[in-house]
All heavy atoms as atom14 arrays in JSON, in Angstrom:
{
  "sequence": "LPVMVPYLRSKGLSMQEVFELQSIFSFFVLIF",
  "atom14_mask": [
    [1, 1, 1, 1, 1, 1, 1, 1, 0, 0, 0, 0, 0, 0],
    [1, 1, 1, 1, 1, 1, 1, 0, 0, 0, 0, 0, 0, 0],
    [1, 1, 1, 1, 1, 1, 1, 0, 0, 0, 0, 0, 0, 0],
    [1, 1, 1, 1, 1, 1, 1, 1, 0, 0, 0, 0, 0, 0],
    [1, 1, 1, 1, 1, 1, 1, 0, 0, 0, 0, 0, 0, 0],
    [1, 1, 1, 1, 1, 1, 1, 0, 0, 0, 0, 0, 0, 0],
    [1, 1, 1, 1, 1, 1, 1, 1, 1, 1, 1, 1, 0, 0],
    [1, 1, 1, 1, 1, 1, 1, 1, 0, 0, 0, 0, 0, 0],
    [1, 1, 1, 1, 1, 1, 1, 1, 1, 1, 1, 0, 0, 0],
    [1, 1, 1, 1, 1, 1, 0, 0, 0, 0, 0, 0, 0, 0],
    [1, 1, 1, 1, 1, 1, 1, 1, 1, 0, 0, 0, 0, 0],
    [1, 1, 1, 1, 0, 0, 0, 0, 0, 0, 0, 0, 0, 0],
    [1, 1, 1, 1, 1, 1, 1, 1, 0, 0, 0, 0, 0, 0],
    [1, 1, 1, 1, 1, 1, 0, 0, 0, 0, 0, 0, 0, 0],
    [1, 1, 1, 1, 1, 1, 1, 1, 0, 0, 0, 0, 0, 0],
    [1, 1, 1, 1, 1, 1, 1, 1, 1, 0, 0, 0, 0, 0],
    [1, 1, 1, 1, 1, 1, 1, 1, 1, 0, 0, 0, 0, 0],
    [1, 1, 1, 1, 1, 1, 1, 0, 0, 0, 0, 0, 0, 0],
    [1, 1, 1, 1, 1, 1, 1, 1, 1, 1, 1, 0, 0, 0],
    [1, 1, 1, 1, 1, 1, 1, 1, 1, 0, 0, 0, 0, 0],
    [1, 1, 1, 1, 1, 1, 1, 1, 0, 0, 0, 0, 0, 0],
    [1, 1, 1, 1, 1, 1, 1, 1, 1, 0, 0, 0, 0, 0],
    [1, 1, 1, 1, 1, 1, 0, 0, 0, 0, 0, 0, 0, 0],
    [1, 1, 1, 1, 1, 1, 1, 1, 0, 0, 0, 0, 0, 0],
    [1, 1, 1, 1, 1, 1, 1, 1, 1, 1, 1, 0, 0, 0],
    [1, 1, 1, 1, 1, 1, 0, 0, 0, 0, 0, 0, 0, 0],
    [1, 1, 1, 1, 1, 1, 1, 1, 1, 1, 1, 0, 0, 0],
    [1, 1, 1, 1, 1, 1, 1, 1, 1, 1, 1, 0, 0, 0],
    [1, 1, 1, 1, 1, 1, 1, 0, 0, 0, 0, 0, 0, 0],
    [1, 1, 1, 1, 1, 1, 1, 1, 0, 0, 0, 0, 0, 0],
    [1, 1, 1, 1, 1, 1, 1, 1, 0, 0, 0, 0, 0, 0],
    [1, 1, 1, 1, 1, 1, 1, 1, 1, 1, 1, 0, 0, 0]
  ],
  "atom14_positions": [
    [[31.46, 30.43, -27.71], [31.09, 31.57, -28.55], [30.5, 32.77, -27.78], [30.81, 33.92, -28.12], [30.13, 31.12, -29.65], [30.08, 31.99, -30.91], [31.48, 32.18, -31.5], [29.15, 31.38, -31.95], [0.0, 0.0, 0.0], [0.0, 0.0, 0.0], [0.0, 0.0, 0.0], [0.0, 0.0, 0.0], [0.0, 0.0, 0.0], [0.0, 0.0, 0.0]],
    [[29.64, 32.57, -26.77], [29.06, 33.73, -26.08], [30.08, 34.62, -25.37], [29.78, 35.79, -25.06], [28.11, 33.09, -25.05], [27.78, 31.76, -25.63], [29.02, 31.32, -26.32], [0.0, 0.0, 0.0], [0.0, 0.0, 0.0], [0.0, 0.0, 0.0], [0.0, 0.0, 0.0], [0.0, 0.0, 0.0], [0.0, 0.0, 0.0], [0.0, 0.0, 0.0]],
    [[31.27, 34.09, -25.1], [32.3, 34.89, -24.42], [33.56, 34.98, -25.27], [34.65, 35.26, -24.76], [32.63, 34.33, -23.02], [31.45, 34.51, -22.07], [33.05, 32.86, -23.1], [0.0, 0.0, 0.0], [0.0, 0.0, 0.0], [0.0, 0.0, 0.0], [0.0, 0.0, 0.0], [0.0, 0.0, 0.0], [0.0, 0.0, 0.0], [0.0, 0.0, 0.0]],
    [[33.43, 34.73, -26.57], [34.59, 34.7, -27.46], [35.31, 36.05, -27.48], [36.54, 36.11, -27.38], [34.15, 34.32, -28.87], [35.31, 34.08, -29.83], [36.27, 32.62, -29.37], [37.14, 32.3, -30.88], [0.0, 0.0, 0.0], [0.0, 0.0, 0.0], [0.0, 0.0, 0.0], [0.0, 0.0, 0.0], [0.0, 0.0, 0.0], [0.0, 0.0, 0.0]],
    [[34.56, 37.13, -27.62], [35.19, 38.45, -27.68], [35.84, 38.81, -26.34], [37.0, 39.24, -26.32], [34.19, 39.53, -28.13], [34.81, 40.93, -28.04], [33.74, 39.26, -29.57], [0.0, 0.0, 0.0], [0.0, 0.0, 0.0], [0.0, 0.0, 0.0], [0.0, 0.0, 0.0], [0.0, 0.0, 0.0], [0.0, 0.0, 0.0], [0.0, 0.0, 0.0]],
    [[35.15, 38.66, -25.19], [35.84, 38.91, -23.91], [37.08, 38.03, -23.72], [38.08, 38.48, -23.16], [34.77, 38.58, -22.86], [33.48, 38.82, -23.56], [33.72, 38.4, -24.98], [0.0, 0.0, 0.0], [0.0, 0.0, 0.0], [0.0, 0.0, 0.0], [0.0, 0.0, 0.0], [0.0, 0.0, 0.0], [0.0, 0.0, 0.0], [0.0, 0.0, 0.0]],
    [[37.01, 36.77, -24.2], [38.16, 35.87, -24.09], [39.33, 36.41, -24.91], [40.47, 36.45, -24.43], [37.78, 34.46, -24.57], [38.94, 33.49, -24.58], [39.39, 32.92, -23.4], [39.58, 33.14, -25.77], [40.46, 32.02, -23.4], [40.65, 32.26, -25.78], [41.08, 31.7, -24.59], [42.14, 30.82, -24.6], [0.0, 0.0, 0.0], [0.0, 0.0, 0.0]],
    [[39.06, 36.84, -26.14], [40.11, 37.41, -26.99], [40.64, 38.71, -26.41], [41.84, 38.99, -26.46], [39.58, 37.63, -28.41], [39.2, 36.37, -29.19], [38.6, 36.74, -30.55], [40.41, 35.46, -29.39], [0.0, 0.0, 0.0], [0.0, 0.0, 0.0], [0.0, 0.0, 0.0], [0.0, 0.0, 0.0], [0.0, 0.0, 0.0], [0.0, 0.0, 0.0]],
    [[39.74, 39.5, -25.85], [40.16, 40.76, -25.21], [41.05, 40.48, -23.99], [41.96, 41.25, -23.69], [38.94, 41.58, -24.79], [38.04, 42.0, -25.94], [38.54, 43.24, -26.63], [37.9, 44.44, -26.13], [38.26, 45.67, -26.42], [39.29, 45.86, -27.23], [37.64, 46.71, -25.93], [0.0, 0.0, 0.0], [0.0, 0.0, 0.0], [0.0, 0.0, 0.0]],
    [[40.79, 39.36, -23.3], [41.61, 38.98, -22.15], [43.03, 38.61, -22.56], [43.95, 38.62, -21.74], [40.97, 37.82, -21.38], [41.13, 36.59, -22.09], [0.0, 0.0, 0.0], [0.0, 0.0, 0.0], [0.0, 0.0, 0.0], [0.0, 0.0, 0.0], [0.0, 0.0, 0.0], [0.0, 0.0, 0.0], [0.0, 0.0, 0.0], [0.0, 0.0, 0.0]],
    [[43.2, 38.31, -23.85], [44.53, 38.02, -24.39], [45.25, 39.29, -24.84], [46.35, 39.22, -25.41], [44.42, 37.05, -25.58], [43.78, 35.72, -25.24], [44.6, 34.93, -24.24], [43.97, 33.59, -23.96], [44.76, 32.81, -22.95], [0.0, 0.0, 0.0], [0.0, 0.0, 0.0], [0.0, 0.0, 0.0], [0.0, 0.0, 0.0], [0.0, 0.0, 0.0]],
    [[44.61, 40.46, -24.61], [45.23, 41.73, -24.94], [44.85, 42.29, -26.29], [45.45, 43.28, -26.74], [0.0, 0.0, 0.0], [0.0, 0.0, 0.0], [0.0, 0.0, 0.0], [0.0, 0.0, 0.0], [0.0, 0.0, 0.0], [0.0, 0.0, 0.0], [0.0, 0.0, 0.0], [0.0, 0.0, 0.0], [0.0, 0.0, 0.0], [0.0, 0.0, 0.0]],
    [[43.85, 41.71, -26.97], [43.46, 42.17, -28.3], [42.5, 43.36, -28.2], [41.64, 43.4, -27.32], [42.79, 41.05, -29.1], [43.71, 40.07, -29.85], [44.57, 39.27, -28.89], [42.87, 39.14, -30.72], [0.0, 0.0, 0.0], [0.0, 0.0, 0.0], [0.0, 0.0, 0.0], [0.0, 0.0, 0.0], [0.0, 0.0, 0.0], [0.0, 0.0, 0.0]],
    [[42.66, 44.33, -29.11], [41.7, 45.43, -29.24], [40.54, 44.95, -30.1], [40.6, 43.88, -30.71], [42.36, 46.64, -29.9], [42.71, 46.34, -31.25], [0.0, 0.0, 0.0], [0.0, 0.0, 0.0], [0.0, 0.0, 0.0], [0.0, 0.0, 0.0], [0.0, 0.0, 0.0], [0.0, 0.0, 0.0], [0.0, 0.0, 0.0], [0.0, 0.0, 0.0]],
    [[39.47, 45.76, -30.19], [38.35, 45.39, -31.06], [38.78, 45.34, -32.52], [38.31, 44.49, -33.28], [37.18, 46.36, -30.88], [36.28, 46.04, -29.69], [35.61, 44.35, -29.72], [34.47, 44.44, -31.12], [0.0, 0.0, 0.0], [0.0, 0.0, 0.0], [0.0, 0.0, 0.0], [0.0, 0.0, 0.0], [0.0, 0.0, 0.0], [0.0, 0.0, 0.0]],
    [[39.68, 46.24, -32.91], [40.18, 46.18, -34.28], [40.91, 44.87, -34.53], [40.74, 44.24, -35.59], [41.12, 47.36, -34.57], [41.62, 47.38, -36.02], [42.48, 48.58, -36.33], [42.54, 49.54, -35.57], [43.16, 48.56, -37.46], [0.0, 0.0, 0.0], [0.0, 0.0, 0.0], [0.0, 0.0, 0.0], [0.0, 0.0, 0.0], [0.0, 0.0, 0.0]],
    [[41.71, 44.4, -33.55], [42.43, 43.14, -33.7], [41.48, 41.95, -33.68], [41.71, 40.95, -34.37], [43.47, 43.0, -32.59], [44.67, 43.92, -32.77], [45.64, 43.86, -31.61], [45.17, 43.79, -30.45], [46.86, 43.85, -31.85], [0.0, 0.0, 0.0], [0.0, 0.0, 0.0], [0.0, 0.0, 0.0], [0.0, 0.0, 0.0], [0.0, 0.0, 0.0]],
    [[40.39, 42.05, -32.9], [39.38, 40.99, -32.91], [38.79, 40.84, -34.3], [38.67, 39.72, -34.83], [38.26, 41.29, -31.88], [37.08, 40.33, -32.08], [38.78, 41.18, -30.46], [0.0, 0.0, 0.0], [0.0, 0.0, 0.0], [0.0, 0.0, 0.0], [0.0, 0.0, 0.0], [0.0, 0.0, 0.0], [0.0, 0.0, 0.0], [0.0, 0.0, 0.0]],
    [[38.44, 41.96, -34.93], [37.89, 41.91, -36.28], [38.96, 41.53, -37.3], [38.67, 40.86, -38.3], [37.26, 43.25, -36.65], [35.83, 43.4, -36.19], [35.51, 44.15, -35.07], [34.82, 42.76, -36.88], [34.2, 44.27, -34.65], [33.49, 42.88, -36.47], [33.18, 43.64, -35.34], [0.0, 0.0, 0.0], [0.0, 0.0, 0.0], [0.0, 0.0, 0.0]],
    [[40.22, 41.93, -37.07], [41.3, 41.51, -37.96], [41.48, 39.99, -37.91], [41.7, 39.35, -38.94], [42.6, 42.21, -37.57], [42.67, 43.68, -37.98], [43.92, 44.36, -37.49], [44.68, 43.73, -36.71], [44.15, 45.52, -37.87], [0.0, 0.0, 0.0], [0.0, 0.0, 0.0], [0.0, 0.0, 0.0], [0.0, 0.0, 0.0], [0.0, 0.0, 0.0]],
    [[41.37, 39.45, -36.71], [41.49, 37.99, -36.53], [40.37, 37.28, -37.3], [40.61, 36.28, -37.99], [41.42, 37.65, -35.05], [41.85, 36.24, -34.63], [43.32, 36.01, -34.94], [41.6, 36.04, -33.13], [0.0, 0.0, 0.0], [0.0, 0.0, 0.0], [0.0, 0.0, 0.0], [0.0, 0.0, 0.0], [0.0, 0.0, 0.0], [0.0, 0.0, 0.0]],
    [[39.15, 37.81, -37.21], [38.04, 37.22, -37.93], [38.17, 37.43, -39.44], [37.71, 36.61, -40.23], [36.71, 37.79, -37.42], [36.4, 37.4, -36.0], [36.57, 35.91, -35.77], [36.0, 35.08, -36.48], [37.38, 35.55, -34.78], [0.0, 0.0, 0.0], [0.0, 0.0, 0.0], [0.0, 0.0, 0.0], [0.0, 0.0, 0.0], [0.0, 0.0, 0.0]],
    [[38.81, 38.53, -39.83], [39.06, 38.77, -41.26], [40.09, 37.8, -41.81], [39.99, 37.34, -42.96], [39.53, 40.21, -41.49], [38.49, 41.12, -41.21], [0.0, 0.0, 0.0], [0.0, 0.0, 0.0], [0.0, 0.0, 0.0], [0.0, 0.0, 0.0], [0.0, 0.0, 0.0], [0.0, 0.0, 0.0], [0.0, 0.0, 0.0], [0.0, 0.0, 0.0]],
    [[41.09, 37.45, -40.99], [42.07, 36.43, -41.39], [41.37, 35.09, -41.56], [41.6, 34.36, -42.54], [43.21, 36.34, -40.35], [44.07, 37.61, -40.39], [44.07, 35.1, -40.59], [45.06, 37.73, -39.26], [0.0, 0.0, 0.0], [0.0, 0.0, 0.0], [0.0, 0.0, 0.0], [0.0, 0.0, 0.0], [0.0, 0.0, 0.0], [0.0, 0.0, 0.0]],
    [[40.5, 34.76, -40.61], [39.68, 33.56, -40.72], [38.88, 33.58, -42.02], [38.87, 32.61, -42.79], [38.74, 33.47, -39.51], [37.65, 32.45, -39.63], [37.89, 31.12, -39.39], [36.36, 32.84, -39.99], [36.87, 30.17, -39.5], [35.34, 31.91, -40.1], [35.6, 30.58, -39.86], [0.0, 0.0, 0.0], [0.0, 0.0, 0.0], [0.0, 0.0, 0.0]],
    [[38.23, 34.72, -42.3], [37.42, 34.85, -43.51], [38.28, 34.77, -44.77], [37.85, 34.22, -45.79], [36.65, 36.18, -43.49], [35.69, 36.18, -42.46], [0.0, 0.0, 0.0], [0.0, 0.0, 0.0], [0.0, 0.0, 0.0], [0.0, 0.0, 0.0], [0.0, 0.0, 0.0], [0.0, 0.0, 0.0], [0.0, 0.0, 0.0], [0.0, 0.0, 0.0]],
    [[39.49, 35.31, -44.7], [40.4, 35.26, -45.85], [40.74, 33.82, -46.21], [40.72, 33.42, -47.39], [41.67, 36.04, -45.55], [42.72, 35.93, -46.63], [42.58, 36.61, -47.83], [43.85, 35.14, -46.45], [43.54, 36.5, -48.83], [44.82, 35.02, -47.44], [44.66, 35.72, -48.63], [0.0, 0.0, 0.0], [0.0, 0.0, 0.0], [0.0, 0.0, 0.0]],
    [[41.03, 33.01, -45.2], [41.39, 31.62, -45.48], [40.16, 30.79, -45.87], [40.28, 29.85, -46.67], [42.12, 31.01, -44.28], [43.58, 31.38, -44.24], [44.01, 32.47, -43.49], [44.51, 30.69, -44.99], [45.35, 32.84, -43.48], [45.85, 31.04, -44.98], [46.28, 32.12, -44.22], [0.0, 0.0, 0.0], [0.0, 0.0, 0.0], [0.0, 0.0, 0.0]],
    [[38.99, 31.13, -45.31], [37.77, 30.49, -45.79], [37.57, 30.83, -47.26], [37.22, 29.97, -48.07], [36.55, 30.94, -44.96], [35.25, 30.42, -45.61], [36.63, 30.42, -43.54], [0.0, 0.0, 0.0], [0.0, 0.0, 0.0], [0.0, 0.0, 0.0], [0.0, 0.0, 0.0], [0.0, 0.0, 0.0], [0.0, 0.0, 0.0], [0.0, 0.0, 0.0]],
    [[37.82, 32.1, -47.6], [37.68, 32.56, -48.99], [38.6, 31.79, -49.92], [38.2, 31.37, -51.0], [37.97, 34.07, -49.05], [37.74, 34.79, -50.38], [37.34, 36.24, -50.11], [38.98, 34.78, -51.26], [0.0, 0.0, 0.0], [0.0, 0.0, 0.0], [0.0, 0.0, 0.0], [0.0, 0.0, 0.0], [0.0, 0.0, 0.0], [0.0, 0.0, 0.0]],
    [[39.86, 31.57, -49.48], [40.82, 30.83, -50.31], [40.37, 29.39, -50.55], [40.44, 28.87, -51.67], [42.22, 30.84, -49.64], [42.83, 32.24, -49.7], [43.14, 29.83, -50.33], [44.14, 32.35, -48.96], [0.0, 0.0, 0.0], [0.0, 0.0, 0.0], [0.0, 0.0, 0.0], [0.0, 0.0, 0.0], [0.0, 0.0, 0.0], [0.0, 0.0, 0.0]],
    [[39.87, 28.75, -49.48], [39.5, 27.34, -49.58], [38.06, 27.11, -50.01], [37.69, 25.99, -50.36], [39.72, 26.65, -48.22], [41.16, 26.6, -47.78], [41.56, 27.23, -46.61], [42.1, 25.92, -48.53], [42.88, 27.19, -46.2], [43.43, 25.87, -48.12], [43.82, 26.51, -46.95], [0.0, 0.0, 0.0], [0.0, 0.0, 0.0], [0.0, 0.0, 0.0]]
  ]
}
């Protein structure tokens, strides 16, 4: 977790995509 954002950024994600990824996570948590 302490390097989660740098790790995701190393995969080529922008900050908007990092938050989009977390929003997708939140969306599925919301569904379930």
